[in-house]
């Protein structure tokens, strides 16, 4: 077994604390990665607090991982010792379902194996990137460019691919007007990608202080959602709205901002089932779509695109002993736009 150390939470109420544990002995197709950086995702916080109702304690969160390969199994062909690599939301999926055959492992019929909090056949539970190392099959590891800031790459493994994938799927480009609802970890990446694809981008936010940040990120316009006149002026304006908000909000309000045949793309998961008026869909043949992270091939495509266009996340790098404060600040929206843990300081 491989000795590991990290941070874990042991129940929904208590803070994360230092934690020593063991990882599996690497197989012939596995690589051992020394973790350099790990992003903090809202899902880490939800799972730490058992808000999904399925947390297995002790939980070591973390699925936005960048590190270097320390060793490789004898049958590994894609990587070598010293390579800079990434690991995202999942580390396994069934090998031969329809979704996997299409390179969309995230929709695997048999279910993916998340990097954290997944129960394995042998009874063990996957432990994430708030730690000093991880063992992963080479087929679920991504190549990371040495030309990018490794800390700022980490959030691309979740926030990045989660926004890149739907924009690519819906062929968003220069002829489209796109609105991004919410300017957090997901939202700021949606702005960067939509702008890079040539779309005309508007940020929708209830906070007037977000306007300057939105424009600095490359957005062309800003709409203050609490301003009735601005919302009225935006009526029937957009081809797509990328909804990144996980808090309770009214979908009907934003459906009205879509043109005929426009699409509201949901990335956030509100805690309560939203009310929906069929009229807002029927009246202009509007649609609501969902999207979940991305497959391995698409994630690699996204990382390569980011390397070519010098796109990374906006991050605040922290030491491991600041994780609990970072959780609190994330819940308050007090981060621009993603915390990343420097695991070298563990």
C-alpha atoms as a PDB file:
ATOM      1  CA  UNK A   1       0.000   0.000   0.000  1.00  0.00           C
ATOM      2  CA  UNK A   2       1.027   3.618  -0.547  1.00  0.00           C
ATOM      3  CA  UNK A   3       1.115   5.896   2.476  1.00  0.00           C
ATOM      4  CA  UNK A   4      -0.772   9.158   1.973  1.00  0.00           C
ATOM      5  CA  UNK A   5      -1.548  12.217   4.017  1.00  0.00           C
ATOM      6  CA  UNK A   6      -4.128  14.907   3.470  1.00  0.00           C
ATOM      7  CA  UNK A   7      -7.171  16.610   4.927  1.00  0.00           C
ATOM      8  CA  UNK A   8     -10.470  14.912   5.705  1.00  0.00           C
ATOM      9  CA  UNK A   9     -13.781  15.597   7.348  1.00  0.00           C
ATOM     10  CA  UNK A  10     -15.227  12.963   9.685  1.00  0.00           C
ATOM     11  CA  UNK A  11     -18.839  14.127   9.990  1.00  0.00           C
ATOM     12  CA  UNK A  12     -21.120  16.840   8.558  1.00  0.00           C
ATOM     13  CA  UNK A  13     -20.588  19.323  11.382  1.00  0.00           C
ATOM     14  CA  UNK A  14     -16.841  19.349  11.950  1.00  0.00           C
ATOM     15  CA  UNK A  15     -14.002  21.001  10.066  1.00  0.00           C
ATOM     16  CA  UNK A  16     -11.479  19.229   7.889  1.00  0.00           C
ATOM     17  CA  UNK A  17      -8.428  18.015   9.792  1.00  0.00           C
ATOM     18  CA  UNK A  18      -5.072  16.424   8.981  1.00  0.00           C
ATOM     19  CA  UNK A  19      -5.535  12.766   8.038  1.00  0.00           C
ATOM     20  CA  UNK A  20      -3.175   9.869   7.262  1.00  0.00           C
ATOM     21  CA  UNK A  21      -4.432   6.983   5.131  1.00  0.00           C
ATOM     22  CA  UNK A  22      -3.389   4.332   2.602  1.00  0.00           C
ATOM     23  CA  UNK A  23      -3.969   4.158  -1.129  1.00  0.00           C
ATOM     24  CA  UNK A  24      -4.060   0.955  -3.166  1.00  0.00           C
ATOM     25  CA  UNK A  25      -0.919  -0.590  -4.534  1.00  0.00           C
ATOM     26  CA  UNK A  26      -0.637   0.584  -8.170  1.00  0.00           C
ATOM     27  CA  UNK A  27      -1.494  -1.886 -10.916  1.00  0.00           C
ATOM     28  CA  UNK A  28       0.281  -2.389 -14.227  1.00  0.00           C
ATOM     29  CA  UNK A  29      -1.789   0.358 -15.937  1.00  0.00           C
ATOM     30  CA  UNK A  30      -1.725   2.787 -13.008  1.00  0.00           C
ATOM     31  CA  UNK A  31       0.347   5.889 -12.430  1.00  0.00           C
ATOM     32  CA  UNK A  32       1.273   7.343  -9.041  1.00  0.00           C
ATOM     33  CA  UNK A  33       0.940  11.130  -9.009  1.00  0.00           C
ATOM     34  CA  UNK A  34       2.538  13.524  -6.547  1.00  0.00           C
ATOM     35  CA  UNK A  35      -0.158  16.185  -6.193  1.00  0.00           C
ATOM     36  CA  UNK A  36       0.987  19.784  -6.603  1.00  0.00           C
ATOM     37  CA  UNK A  37      -2.354  21.632  -6.578  1.00  0.00           C
ATOM     38  CA  UNK A  38      -6.015  20.872  -5.994  1.00  0.00           C
ATOM     39  CA  UNK A  39      -8.915  23.245  -6.588  1.00  0.00           C
ATOM     40  CA  UNK A  40     -11.800  23.699  -4.169  1.00  0.00           C
ATOM     41  CA  UNK A  41     -15.151  23.052  -5.842  1.00  0.00           C
ATOM     42  CA  UNK A  42     -18.580  23.791  -4.365  1.00  0.00           C
ATOM     43  CA  UNK A  43     -19.278  20.053  -4.664  1.00  0.00           C
ATOM     44  CA  UNK A  44     -16.453  19.386  -2.189  1.00  0.00           C
ATOM     45  CA  UNK A  45     -18.254  21.513   0.363  1.00  0.00           C
ATOM     46  CA  UNK A  46     -21.674  19.976  -0.309  1.00  0.00           C
ATOM     47  CA  UNK A  47     -20.237  16.492   0.045  1.00  0.00           C
ATOM     48  CA  UNK A  48     -18.256  17.353   3.168  1.00  0.00           C
ATOM     49  CA  UNK A  49     -21.504  18.464   4.787  1.00  0.00           C
ATOM     50  CA  UNK A  50     -23.405  15.422   3.439  1.00  0.00           C
ATOM     51  CA  UNK A  51     -25.781  17.691   1.547  1.00  0.00           C
ATOM     52  CA  UNK A  52     -26.120  15.066  -1.194  1.00  0.00           C
ATOM     53  CA  UNK A  53     -27.016  12.483   1.451  1.00  0.00           C
ATOM     54  CA  UNK A  54     -24.379   9.955   0.346  1.00  0.00           C
ATOM     55  CA  UNK A  55     -21.130  10.960   2.050  1.00  0.00           C
ATOM     56  CA  UNK A  56     -18.967   8.156   3.374  1.00  0.00           C
ATOM     57  CA  UNK A  57     -16.738   9.377   6.203  1.00  0.00           C
ATOM     58  CA  UNK A  58     -13.899  10.026   6.592  1.00  0.00           C
ATOM     59  CA  UNK A  59     -14.045  12.030   3.351  1.00  0.00           C
ATOM     60  CA  UNK A  60     -10.952  13.335   1.568  1.00  0.00           C
ATOM     61  CA  UNK A  61     -12.376  15.752  -1.017  1.00  0.00           C
ATOM     62  CA  UNK A  62     -10.797  17.096  -4.190  1.00  0.00           C
ATOM     63  CA  UNK A  63     -11.248  16.463  -7.921  1.00  0.00           C
ATOM     64  CA  UNK A  64      -9.411  19.363  -9.582  1.00  0.00           C
ATOM     65  CA  UNK A  65      -5.940  17.850  -9.401  1.00  0.00           C
ATOM     66  CA  UNK A  66      -2.648  18.800 -11.042  1.00  0.00           C
ATOM     67  CA  UNK A  67       0.541  16.932 -10.227  1.00  0.00           C
ATOM     68  CA  UNK A  68       3.600  15.122 -11.548  1.00  0.00           C
ATOM     69  CA  UNK A  69       3.930  11.431 -12.204  1.00  0.00           C
ATOM     70  CA  UNK A  70       6.142   9.772  -9.623  1.00  0.00           C
ATOM     71  CA  UNK A  71       6.015   6.230 -10.975  1.00  0.00           C
ATOM     72  CA  UNK A  72       4.245   4.154 -13.620  1.00  0.00           C
ATOM     73  CA  UNK A  73       3.012   0.581 -13.898  1.00  0.00           C
ATOM     74  CA  UNK A  74       4.880  -1.696 -16.266  1.00  0.00           C
ATOM     75  CA  UNK A  75       2.157  -1.536 -18.945  1.00  0.00           C
ATOM     76  CA  UNK A  76       1.667   2.246 -18.929  1.00  0.00           C
ATOM     77  CA  UNK A  77       2.262   3.706 -22.408  1.00  0.00           C
ATOM     78  CA  UNK A  78       0.750   7.206 -22.304  1.00  0.00           C
ATOM     79  CA  UNK A  79       2.893   8.805 -19.606  1.00  0.00           C
ATOM     80  CA  UNK A  80       6.362   8.791 -18.134  1.00  0.00           C
ATOM     81  CA  UNK A  81       7.853   9.784 -14.809  1.00  0.00           C
ATOM     82  CA  UNK A  82       7.983  13.571 -14.423  1.00  0.00           C
ATOM     83  CA  UNK A  83       5.052  14.362 -16.714  1.00  0.00           C
ATOM     84  CA  UNK A  84       2.728  17.175 -15.588  1.00  0.00           C
ATOM     85  CA  UNK A  85      -0.793  15.737 -15.502  1.00  0.00           C
ATOM     86  CA  UNK A  86      -4.323  16.329 -14.295  1.00  0.00           C
ATOM     87  CA  UNK A  87      -7.124  14.271 -12.769  1.00  0.00           C
ATOM     88  CA  UNK A  88     -10.740  15.401 -12.819  1.00  0.00           C
ATOM     89  CA  UNK A  89     -14.114  14.437 -11.414  1.00  0.00           C
ATOM     90  CA  UNK A  90     -13.934  10.700 -12.100  1.00  0.00           C
ATOM     91  CA  UNK A  91     -11.266   7.995 -12.248  1.00  0.00           C
ATOM     92  CA  UNK A  92     -13.176   5.121 -13.862  1.00  0.00           C
ATOM     93  CA  UNK A  93     -16.279   4.196 -15.854  1.00  0.00           C
ATOM     94  CA  UNK A  94     -17.597   1.031 -17.475  1.00  0.00           C
ATOM     95  CA  UNK A  95     -15.582   0.138 -20.594  1.00  0.00           C
ATOM     96  CA  UNK A  96     -18.267  -0.663 -23.124  1.00  0.00           C
ATOM     97  CA  UNK A  97     -21.597   1.152 -22.759  1.00  0.00           C
ATOM     98  CA  UNK A  98     -23.048   3.407 -25.456  1.00  0.00           C
ATOM     99  CA  UNK A  99     -21.910   6.590 -23.712  1.00  0.00           C
ATOM    100  CA  UNK A 100     -18.356   5.359 -23.205  1.00  0.00           C
ATOM    101  CA  UNK A 101     -18.140   4.239 -26.835  1.00  0.00           C
ATOM    102  CA  UNK A 102     -18.907   7.836 -27.820  1.00  0.00           C
ATOM    103  CA  UNK A 103     -16.281   9.276 -25.493  1.00  0.00           C
ATOM    104  CA  UNK A 104     -18.910  10.549 -23.063  1.00  0.00           C
ATOM    105  CA  UNK A 105     -17.950   8.553 -20.002  1.00  0.00           C
ATOM    106  CA  UNK A 106     -19.647  11.087 -17.729  1.00  0.00           C
ATOM    107  CA  UNK A 107     -22.990   9.677 -18.911  1.00  0.00           C
ATOM    108  CA  UNK A 108     -21.895   6.068 -18.448  1.00  0.00           C
ATOM    109  CA  UNK A 109     -24.895   3.718 -18.069  1.00  0.00           C
ATOM    110  CA  UNK A 110     -23.143   1.821 -15.299  1.00  0.00           C
ATOM    111  CA  UNK A 111     -22.134   4.995 -13.484  1.00  0.00           C
ATOM    112  CA  UNK A 112     -18.766   6.659 -13.197  1.00  0.00           C
ATOM    113  CA  UNK A 113     -16.392   6.214 -10.260  1.00  0.00           C
ATOM    114  CA  UNK A 114     -15.871   9.699  -8.777  1.00  0.00           C
ATOM    115  CA  UNK A 115     -12.411  10.702  -7.605  1.00  0.00           C
ATOM    116  CA  UNK A 116     -13.822  11.180  -4.105  1.00  0.00           C
ATOM    117  CA  UNK A 117     -16.459   9.355  -2.050  1.00  0.00           C
ATOM    118  CA  UNK A 118     -17.067   6.380  -4.355  1.00  0.00           C
ATOM    119  CA  UNK A 119     -17.377   2.908  -2.882  1.00  0.00           C
ATOM    120  CA  UNK A 120     -15.281   0.370  -4.766  1.00  0.00           C
ATOM    121  CA  UNK A 121     -15.961  -3.336  -5.263  1.00  0.00           C
ATOM    122  CA  UNK A 122     -13.364  -4.228  -2.638  1.00  0.00           C
ATOM    123  CA  UNK A 123     -15.157  -2.062  -0.059  1.00  0.00           C
ATOM    124  CA  UNK A 124     -12.643   0.781  -0.136  1.00  0.00           C
ATOM    125  CA  UNK A 125     -13.705   4.389  -0.758  1.00  0.00           C
ATOM    126  CA  UNK A 126     -12.009   6.724  -3.217  1.00  0.00           C
ATOM    127  CA  UNK A 127     -10.164   9.614  -1.642  1.00  0.00           C
ATOM    128  CA  UNK A 128      -9.575  12.852  -3.502  1.00  0.00           C
ATOM    129  CA  UNK A 129      -6.935  15.444  -4.110  1.00  0.00           C
ATOM    130  CA  UNK A 130      -6.731  17.223  -0.750  1.00  0.00           C
ATOM    131  CA  UNK A 131      -3.722  14.965  -0.274  1.00  0.00           C
ATOM    132  CA  UNK A 132      -0.131  14.477  -1.305  1.00  0.00           C
ATOM    133  CA  UNK A 133      -0.584  11.683  -3.853  1.00  0.00           C
ATOM    134  CA  UNK A 134      -3.104   9.656  -5.833  1.00  0.00           C
ATOM    135  CA  UNK A 135      -3.109   6.413  -7.850  1.00  0.00           C
ATOM    136  CA  UNK A 136      -5.064   6.488 -11.127  1.00  0.00           C
ATOM    137  CA  UNK A 137      -5.400   4.315 -14.234  1.00  0.00           C
ATOM    138  CA  UNK A 138      -3.586   6.024 -17.115  1.00  0.00           C
ATOM    139  CA  UNK A 139      -6.778   6.165 -19.192  1.00  0.00           C
ATOM    140  CA  UNK A 140      -8.287   8.654 -16.747  1.00  0.00           C
ATOM    141  CA  UNK A 141      -5.269  10.943 -16.539  1.00  0.00           C
ATOM    142  CA  UNK A 142      -4.871  14.133 -18.618  1.00  0.00           C
ATOM    143  CA  UNK A 143      -1.773  15.783 -20.068  1.00  0.00           C
ATOM    144  CA  UNK A 144      -1.161  19.337 -18.831  1.00  0.00           C
ATOM    145  CA  UNK A 145       0.934  21.888 -20.718  1.00  0.00           C
ATOM    146  CA  UNK A 146       4.123  23.042 -19.034  1.00  0.00           C
ATOM    147  CA  UNK A 147       3.458  26.492 -20.539  1.00  0.00           C
ATOM    148  CA  UNK A 148       0.473  27.193 -18.284  1.00  0.00           C
ATOM    149  CA  UNK A 149       0.397  28.136 -14.596  1.00  0.00           C
ATOM    150  CA  UNK A 150      -0.197  24.730 -12.992  1.00  0.00           C
ATOM    151  CA  UNK A 151      -2.171  26.175 -10.062  1.00  0.00           C
ATOM    152  CA  UNK A 152      -4.507  28.010 -12.446  1.00  0.00           C
ATOM    153  CA  UNK A 153      -4.991  24.856 -14.507  1.00  0.00           C
ATOM    154  CA  UNK A 154      -6.416  22.854 -11.580  1.00  0.00           C
ATOM    155  CA  UNK A 155      -9.973  24.323 -11.767  1.00  0.00           C
ATOM    156  CA  UNK A 156     -10.078  23.518 -15.482  1.00  0.00           C
ATOM    157  CA  UNK A 157     -10.459  19.858 -14.484  1.00  0.00           C
ATOM    158  CA  UNK A 158     -14.000  20.599 -13.239  1.00  0.00           C
ATOM    159  CA  UNK A 159     -15.135  24.205 -13.670  1.00  0.00           C
ATOM    160  CA  UNK A 160     -13.358  24.405 -17.011  1.00  0.00           C
ATOM    161  CA  UNK A 161     -14.695  21.261 -18.654  1.00  0.00           C
ATOM    162  CA  UNK A 162     -18.163  21.765 -17.141  1.00  0.00           C
ATOM    163  CA  UNK A 163     -18.513  25.019 -19.092  1.00  0.00           C
ATOM    164  CA  UNK A 164     -16.492  24.070 -22.184  1.00  0.00           C
ATOM    165  CA  UNK A 165     -18.514  20.923 -22.900  1.00  0.00           C
ATOM    166  CA  UNK A 166     -21.995  22.476 -23.363  1.00  0.00           C
ATOM    167  CA  UNK A 167     -20.616  25.369 -25.390  1.00  0.00           C
ATOM    168  CA  UNK A 168     -18.984  22.883 -27.757  1.00  0.00           C
ATOM    169  CA  UNK A 169     -22.002  20.566 -27.837  1.00  0.00           C
ATOM    170  CA  UNK A 170     -24.333  23.415 -28.835  1.00  0.00           C
ATOM    171  CA  UNK A 171     -21.822  24.744 -31.389  1.00  0.00           C
ATOM    172  CA  UNK A 172     -21.705  28.182 -29.787  1.00  0.00           C
ATOM    173  CA  UNK A 173     -19.808  30.615 -31.967  1.00  0.00           C
ATOM    174  CA  UNK A 174     -19.534  34.051 -33.527  1.00  0.00           C
ATOM    175  CA  UNK A 175     -23.168  34.247 -34.651  1.00  0.00           C
ATOM    176  CA  UNK A 176     -24.541  33.730 -31.146  1.00  0.00           C
ATOM    177  CA  UNK A 177     -25.480  35.942 -28.245  1.00  0.00           C
ATOM    178  CA  UNK A 178     -24.703  34.156 -24.992  1.00  0.00           C
ATOM    179  CA  UNK A 179     -25.595  35.149 -21.447  1.00  0.00           C
ATOM    180  CA  UNK A 180     -23.798  33.713 -18.420  1.00  0.00           C
ATOM    181  CA  UNK A 181     -25.876  33.646 -15.241  1.00  0.00           C
ATOM    182  CA  UNK A 182     -23.648  33.869 -12.177  1.00  0.00           C
ATOM    183  CA  UNK A 183     -20.017  34.942 -12.099  1.00  0.00           C
ATOM    184  CA  UNK A 184     -18.320  32.446  -9.841  1.00  0.00           C
ATOM    185  CA  UNK A 185     -15.981  29.523 -10.447  1.00  0.00           C
ATOM    186  CA  UNK A 186     -18.101  28.141 -13.291  1.00  0.00           C
ATOM    187  CA  UNK A 187     -19.366  31.468 -14.573  1.00  0.00           C
ATOM    188  CA  UNK A 188     -16.001  33.101 -15.082  1.00  0.00           C
ATOM    189  CA  UNK A 189     -14.821  30.119 -17.134  1.00  0.00           C
ATOM    190  CA  UNK A 190     -18.019  30.199 -19.194  1.00  0.00           C
ATOM    191  CA  UNK A 191     -17.288  33.847 -20.021  1.00  0.00           C
ATOM    192  CA  UNK A 192     -13.713  33.072 -21.053  1.00  0.00           C
ATOM    193  CA  UNK A 193     -14.686  30.158 -23.284  1.00  0.00           C
ATOM    194  CA  UNK A 194     -17.729  31.813 -24.879  1.00  0.00           C
ATOM    195  CA  UNK A 195     -15.657  34.900 -25.722  1.00  0.00           C
ATOM    196  CA  UNK A 196     -12.855  32.741 -27.145  1.00  0.00           C
ATOM    197  CA  UNK A 197     -15.403  30.962 -29.360  1.00  0.00           C
ATOM    198  CA  UNK A 198     -16.417  34.327 -30.813  1.00  0.00           C
ATOM    199  CA  UNK A 199     -19.832  34.773 -29.166  1.00  0.00           C
ATOM    200  CA  UNK A 200     -21.211  38.092 -27.956  1.00  0.00           C
ATOM    201  CA  UNK A 201     -21.269  37.577 -24.197  1.00  0.00           C
ATOM    202  CA  UNK A 202     -23.382  39.174 -21.476  1.00  0.00           C
ATOM    203  CA  UNK A 203     -23.047  38.472 -17.767  1.00  0.00           C
ATOM    204  CA  UNK A 204     -26.270  38.340 -15.728  1.00  0.00           C
ATOM    205  CA  UNK A 205     -25.749  39.030 -12.037  1.00  0.00           C
ATOM    206  CA  UNK A 206     -27.649  40.385  -9.077  1.00  0.00           C
ATOM    207  CA  UNK A 207     -24.520  42.093  -7.766  1.00  0.00           C
ATOM    208  CA  UNK A 208     -23.596  45.476  -9.281  1.00  0.00           C
ATOM    209  CA  UNK A 209     -20.030  45.005  -8.046  1.00  0.00           C
ATOM    210  CA  UNK A 210     -19.603  42.170 -10.577  1.00  0.00           C
ATOM    211  CA  UNK A 211     -19.863  44.477 -13.593  1.00  0.00           C
ATOM    212  CA  UNK A 212     -16.239  45.579 -13.666  1.00  0.00           C
ATOM    213  CA  UNK A 213     -15.022  42.013 -13.160  1.00  0.00           C
ATOM    214  CA  UNK A 214     -17.282  40.720 -15.926  1.00  0.00           C
ATOM    215  CA  UNK A 215     -15.935  43.213 -18.420  1.00  0.00           C
ATOM    216  CA  UNK A 216     -12.349  42.561 -17.317  1.00  0.00           C
ATOM    217  CA  UNK A 217     -12.885  38.871 -18.099  1.00  0.00           C
ATOM    218  CA  UNK A 218     -13.909  39.772 -21.645  1.00  0.00           C
ATOM    219  CA  UNK A 219     -17.701  39.995 -21.429  1.00  0.00           C
ATOM    220  CA  UNK A 220     -19.175  42.548 -23.804  1.00  0.00           C
ATOM    221  CA  UNK A 221     -22.195  43.495 -21.680  1.00  0.00           C
ATOM    222  CA  UNK A 222     -23.533  43.298 -18.141  1.00  0.00           C
ATOM    223  CA  UNK A 223     -27.150  43.081 -16.984  1.00  0.00           C
ATOM    224  CA  UNK A 224     -28.041  43.711 -13.355  1.00  0.00           C
ATOM    225  CA  UNK A 225     -30.817  41.207 -12.719  1.00  0.00           C
ATOM    226  CA  UNK A 226     -32.275  43.238  -9.856  1.00  0.00           C
ATOM    227  CA  UNK A 227     -32.831  46.192 -12.202  1.00  0.00           C
ATOM    228  CA  UNK A 228     -36.303  45.811 -13.761  1.00  0.00           C
ATOM    229  CA  UNK A 229     -35.547  48.123 -16.675  1.00  0.00           C
ATOM    230  CA  UNK A 230     -32.338  46.308 -17.586  1.00  0.00           C
ATOM    231  CA  UNK A 231     -34.133  42.979 -17.472  1.00  0.00           C
ATOM    232  CA  UNK A 232     -36.959  44.358 -19.605  1.00  0.00           C
ATOM    233  CA  UNK A 233     -34.447  45.629 -22.145  1.00  0.00           C
ATOM    234  CA  UNK A 234     -32.855  42.173 -22.256  1.00  0.00           C
ATOM    235  CA  UNK A 235     -36.142  40.413 -23.061  1.00  0.00           C
ATOM    236  CA  UNK A 236     -35.823  37.894 -25.913  1.00  0.00           C
ATOM    237  CA  UNK A 237     -32.148  38.759 -26.475  1.00  0.00           C
ATOM    238  CA  UNK A 238     -30.086  35.595 -26.185  1.00  0.00           C
ATOM    239  CA  UNK A 239     -29.548  32.398 -28.120  1.00  0.00           C
ATOM    240  CA  UNK A 240     -28.135  30.655 -25.042  1.00  0.00           C
ATOM    241  CA  UNK A 241     -28.048  31.246 -21.316  1.00  0.00           C
ATOM    242  CA  UNK A 242     -25.421  29.319 -19.348  1.00  0.00           C
ATOM    243  CA  UNK A 243     -26.977  28.963 -15.886  1.00  0.00           C
ATOM    244  CA  UNK A 244     -24.224  28.271 -13.345  1.00  0.00           C
ATOM    245  CA  UNK A 245     -26.265  29.066 -10.221  1.00  0.00           C
ATOM    246  CA  UNK A 246     -26.718  26.345  -7.587  1.00  0.00           C
ATOM    247  CA  UNK A 247     -28.855  28.477  -5.252  1.00  0.00           C
ATOM    248  CA  UNK A 248     -32.634  28.704  -5.534  1.00  0.00           C
ATOM    249  CA  UNK A 249     -33.694  30.945  -8.440  1.00  0.00           C
ATOM    250  CA  UNK A 250     -36.586  31.327 -10.863  1.00  0.00           C
ATOM    251  CA  UNK A 251     -35.954  29.680 -14.230  1.00  0.00           C
ATOM    252  CA  UNK A 252     -38.979  31.449 -15.729  1.00  0.00           C
ATOM    253  CA  UNK A 253     -37.326  34.854 -15.282  1.00  0.00           C
ATOM    254  CA  UNK A 254     -34.406  33.816 -17.452  1.00  0.00           C
ATOM    255  CA  UNK A 255     -36.378  31.846 -20.023  1.00  0.00           C
ATOM    256  CA  UNK A 256     -37.978  35.178 -20.939  1.00  0.00           C
ATOM    257  CA  UNK A 257     -34.568  36.488 -21.937  1.00  0.00           C
ATOM    258  CA  UNK A 258     -34.190  33.839 -24.647  1.00  0.00           C
ATOM    259  CA  UNK A 259     -35.026  34.379 -28.289  1.00  0.00           C
ATOM    260  CA  UNK A 260     -37.163  31.969 -30.285  1.00  0.00           C
ATOM    261  CA  UNK A 261     -35.485  28.557 -30.227  1.00  0.00           C
ATOM    262  CA  UNK A 262     -33.145  29.743 -27.460  1.00  0.00           C
ATOM    263  CA  UNK A 263     -31.731  27.311 -24.923  1.00  0.00           C
ATOM    264  CA  UNK A 264     -31.271  27.599 -21.164  1.00  0.00           C
ATOM    265  CA  UNK A 265     -28.321  25.331 -20.283  1.00  0.00           C
ATOM    266  CA  UNK A 266     -28.309  24.200 -16.655  1.00  0.00           C
ATOM    267  CA  UNK A 267     -24.994  23.534 -14.922  1.00  0.00           C
ATOM    268  CA  UNK A 268     -25.914  24.283 -11.304  1.00  0.00           C
ATOM    269  CA  UNK A 269     -28.163  22.116  -9.142  1.00  0.00           C
ATOM    270  CA  UNK A 270     -30.480  24.169  -6.883  1.00  0.00           C
ATOM    271  CA  UNK A 271     -31.390  22.565  -3.550  1.00  0.00           C
ATOM    272  CA  UNK A 272     -35.129  22.754  -4.278  1.00  0.00           C
ATOM    273  CA  UNK A 273     -37.076  21.648  -7.331  1.00  0.00           C
ATOM    274  CA  UNK A 274     -37.825  24.816  -9.340  1.00  0.00           C
ATOM    275  CA  UNK A 275     -41.266  25.826 -10.551  1.00  0.00           C
ATOM    276  CA  UNK A 276     -41.545  26.020 -14.326  1.00  0.00           C
ATOM    277  CA  UNK A 277     -44.173  27.660 -16.529  1.00  0.00           C
ATOM    278  CA  UNK A 278     -44.731  25.701 -19.735  1.00  0.00           C
ATOM    279  CA  UNK A 279     -45.853  28.920 -21.437  1.00  0.00           C
ATOM    280  CA  UNK A 280     -42.338  30.360 -21.410  1.00  0.00           C
ATOM    281  CA  UNK A 281     -41.150  27.322 -23.367  1.00  0.00           C
ATOM    282  CA  UNK A 282     -44.098  26.965 -25.711  1.00  0.00           C
ATOM    283  CA  UNK A 283     -44.430  30.630 -26.639  1.00  0.00           C
ATOM    284  CA  UNK A 284     -41.045  30.789 -28.407  1.00  0.00           C
ATOM    285  CA  UNK A 285     -40.104  27.126 -28.815  1.00  0.00           C
ATOM    286  CA  UNK A 286     -37.467  27.549 -26.131  1.00  0.00           C
ATOM    287  CA  UNK A 287     -35.576  24.646 -24.615  1.00  0.00           C
ATOM    288  CA  UNK A 288     -33.957  23.686 -21.318  1.00  0.00           C
ATOM    289  CA  UNK A 289     -30.878  21.474 -21.473  1.00  0.00           C
ATOM    290  CA  UNK A 290     -28.487  20.076 -18.919  1.00  0.00           C
ATOM    291  CA  UNK A 291     -24.808  19.200 -19.075  1.00  0.00           C
ATOM    292  CA  UNK A 292     -22.449  17.255 -16.805  1.00  0.00           C
ATOM    293  CA  UNK A 293     -18.656  17.786 -16.822  1.00  0.00           C
ATOM    294  CA  UNK A 294     -17.144  16.102 -19.925  1.00  0.00           C
ATOM    295  CA  UNK A 295     -15.518  12.903 -21.117  1.00  0.00           C
ATOM    296  CA  UNK A 296     -11.810  12.164 -20.969  1.00  0.00           C
ATOM    297  CA  UNK A 297     -11.141  12.941 -24.645  1.00  0.00           C
ATOM    298  CA  UNK A 298     -13.112  16.175 -24.479  1.00  0.00           C
ATOM    299  CA  UNK A 299     -11.331  17.215 -21.283  1.00  0.00           C
ATOM    300  CA  UNK A 300      -8.001  16.683 -23.022  1.00  0.00           C
ATOM    301  CA  UNK A 301      -9.288  18.711 -25.973  1.00  0.00           C
ATOM    302  CA  UNK A 302     -10.227  21.498 -23.568  1.00  0.00           C
ATOM    303  CA  UNK A 303      -6.805  21.470 -21.906  1.00  0.00           C
ATOM    304  CA  UNK A 304      -5.106  21.608 -25.309  1.00  0.00           C
ATOM    305  CA  UNK A 305      -7.376  24.504 -26.343  1.00  0.00           C
ATOM    306  CA  UNK A 306      -6.469  26.340 -23.153  1.00  0.00           C
ATOM    307  CA  UNK A 307      -2.764  25.819 -23.797  1.00  0.00           C
ATOM    308  CA  UNK A 308      -3.134  27.149 -27.349  1.00  0.00           C
ATOM    309  CA  UNK A 309      -5.145  30.199 -26.281  1.00  0.00           C
ATOM    310  CA  UNK A 310      -3.493  30.796 -22.879  1.00  0.00           C
ATOM    311  CA  UNK A 311      -6.720  30.292 -20.923  1.00  0.00           C
ATOM    312  CA  UNK A 312      -6.645  29.416 -17.234  1.00  0.00           C
ATOM    313  CA  UNK A 313      -8.831  30.008 -14.202  1.00  0.00           C
ATOM    314  CA  UNK A 314      -8.541  33.063 -11.951  1.00  0.00           C
ATOM    315  CA  UNK A 315      -7.355  31.623  -8.656  1.00  0.00           C
ATOM    316  CA  UNK A 316      -6.335  32.395  -5.105  1.00  0.00           C
ATOM    317  CA  UNK A 317      -3.678  29.919  -4.015  1.00  0.00           C
ATOM    318  CA  UNK A 318      -3.838  28.885  -0.363  1.00  0.00           C
ATOM    319  CA  UNK A 319      -1.954  26.619   2.006  1.00  0.00           C
ATOM    320  CA  UNK A 320      -3.645  23.427   3.255  1.00  0.00           C
ATOM    321  CA  UNK A 321      -4.186  24.835   6.736  1.00  0.00           C
ATOM    322  CA  UNK A 322      -6.489  27.483   5.232  1.00  0.00           C
ATOM    323  CA  UNK A 323      -8.970  24.971   3.732  1.00  0.00           C
ATOM    324  CA  UNK A 324     -11.725  25.515   6.302  1.00  0.00           C
ATOM    325  CA  UNK A 325     -11.561  29.305   5.954  1.00  0.00           C
ATOM    326  CA  UNK A 326     -11.657  28.843   2.174  1.00  0.00           C
ATOM    327  CA  UNK A 327     -14.812  26.726   2.512  1.00  0.00           C
ATOM    328  CA  UNK A 328     -16.467  29.513   4.516  1.00  0.00           C
ATOM    329  CA  UNK A 329     -15.408  32.190   2.053  1.00  0.00           C
ATOM    330  CA  UNK A 330     -16.584  30.104  -0.912  1.00  0.00           C
ATOM    331  CA  UNK A 331     -20.042  29.812   0.621  1.00  0.00           C
ATOM    332  CA  UNK A 332     -20.075  33.607   1.031  1.00  0.00           C
ATOM    333  CA  UNK A 333     -18.959  34.149  -2.565  1.00  0.00           C
ATOM    334  CA  UNK A 334     -15.773  35.750  -1.289  1.00  0.00           C
ATOM    335  CA  UNK A 335     -13.334  34.369  -3.871  1.00  0.00           C
ATOM    336  CA  UNK A 336     -12.253  35.502  -7.338  1.00  0.00           C
ATOM    337  CA  UNK A 337     -12.899  32.933  -8.634  1.00  0.00           C
ATOM    338  CA  UNK A 338     -11.510  29.651  -7.342  1.00  0.00           C
ATOM    339  CA  UNK A 339      -9.437  28.630  -4.354  1.00  0.00           C
ATOM    340  CA  UNK A 340      -6.569  26.292  -5.174  1.00  0.00           C
ATOM    341  CA  UNK A 341      -4.673  24.429  -2.451  1.00  0.00           C
ATOM    342  CA  UNK A 342      -0.901  24.309  -2.734  1.00  0.00           C
ATOM    343  CA  UNK A 343      -0.434  20.679  -1.736  1.00  0.00           C
ATOM    344  CA  UNK A 344       3.353  21.036  -1.795  1.00  0.00           C
ATOM    345  CA  UNK A 345       2.936  22.805   1.567  1.00  0.00           C
ATOM    346  CA  UNK A 346       1.112  19.864   3.125  1.00  0.00           C
END
